[in-house]
Protein backbone atom coordinates (compact mmCIF):
# COMPACT_ATOMS: atom_id res chain seq x y z
CA MET A 1 40.63 26.55 -55.13
CA PRO A 2 42.04 29.26 -52.81
CA SER A 3 45.05 27.08 -52.03
CA THR A 4 45.85 26.77 -55.74
CA ILE A 5 45.75 30.53 -56.15
CA LEU A 6 47.93 30.96 -53.06
CA LEU A 7 50.41 28.42 -54.41
CA ILE A 8 50.66 30.25 -57.74
CA VAL A 9 51.14 33.60 -56.01
CA LEU A 10 53.90 32.17 -53.79
CA ILE A 11 55.70 30.70 -56.80
CA LEU A 12 55.57 34.09 -58.55
CA VAL A 13 56.88 35.82 -55.43
CA LEU A 14 59.67 33.27 -55.18
CA VAL A 15 60.78 34.06 -58.73
CA ALA A 16 60.45 37.80 -58.11
CA VAL A 17 62.78 37.88 -55.11
CA LEU A 18 65.71 36.07 -56.71
CA PRO A 19 68.80 38.31 -56.50
CA THR A 20 69.27 39.01 -60.20
CA TRP A 21 69.49 42.81 -60.18
CA GLY A 22 72.58 44.74 -59.13
CA HIS A 23 70.95 46.43 -56.15
CA SER A 24 69.68 43.14 -54.69
CA ARG A 25 72.76 40.97 -55.08
CA SER A 26 74.05 41.92 -51.63
CA TRP A 27 70.84 40.58 -50.06
CA GLY A 28 71.89 37.02 -50.84
CA TYR A 29 69.29 34.28 -50.90
CA ALA A 30 67.50 35.27 -47.68
CA PRO A 31 64.33 36.64 -49.36
CA SER A 32 63.94 33.71 -51.74
CA GLY A 33 64.89 31.25 -49.00
CA THR A 34 62.12 32.55 -46.76
CA ILE A 35 59.54 32.42 -49.55
CA GLY A 36 60.81 28.96 -50.53
CA LEU A 37 60.34 27.73 -46.97
CA LEU A 38 56.77 29.09 -46.94
CA LEU A 39 56.16 27.39 -50.27
CA VAL A 40 57.39 24.03 -48.96
CA ILE A 41 55.17 24.34 -45.88
CA LEU A 42 52.19 25.23 -48.07
CA ILE A 43 52.81 22.24 -50.35
CA ILE A 44 53.04 19.91 -47.35
CA LEU A 45 49.78 21.30 -45.94
CA VAL A 46 48.01 20.89 -49.29
CA LEU A 47 49.26 17.32 -49.74
CA THR A 48 48.20 16.32 -46.24
CA GLY A 49 44.77 17.90 -46.71
CA ARG A 50 45.00 20.41 -43.89
CA LEU A 51 44.55 23.43 -46.15
């Protein structure tokens, strides 16, 4: 149950950091890339049963 909540929160954060506003376009994809990497690691841990 906690891993499902964590997965949902990470997906929402991933969507939130996409560079869609004018002030964040110069950031590039670094914020969403970092959150995406964490999301992939979390999914792998959930699928292997280690979380």
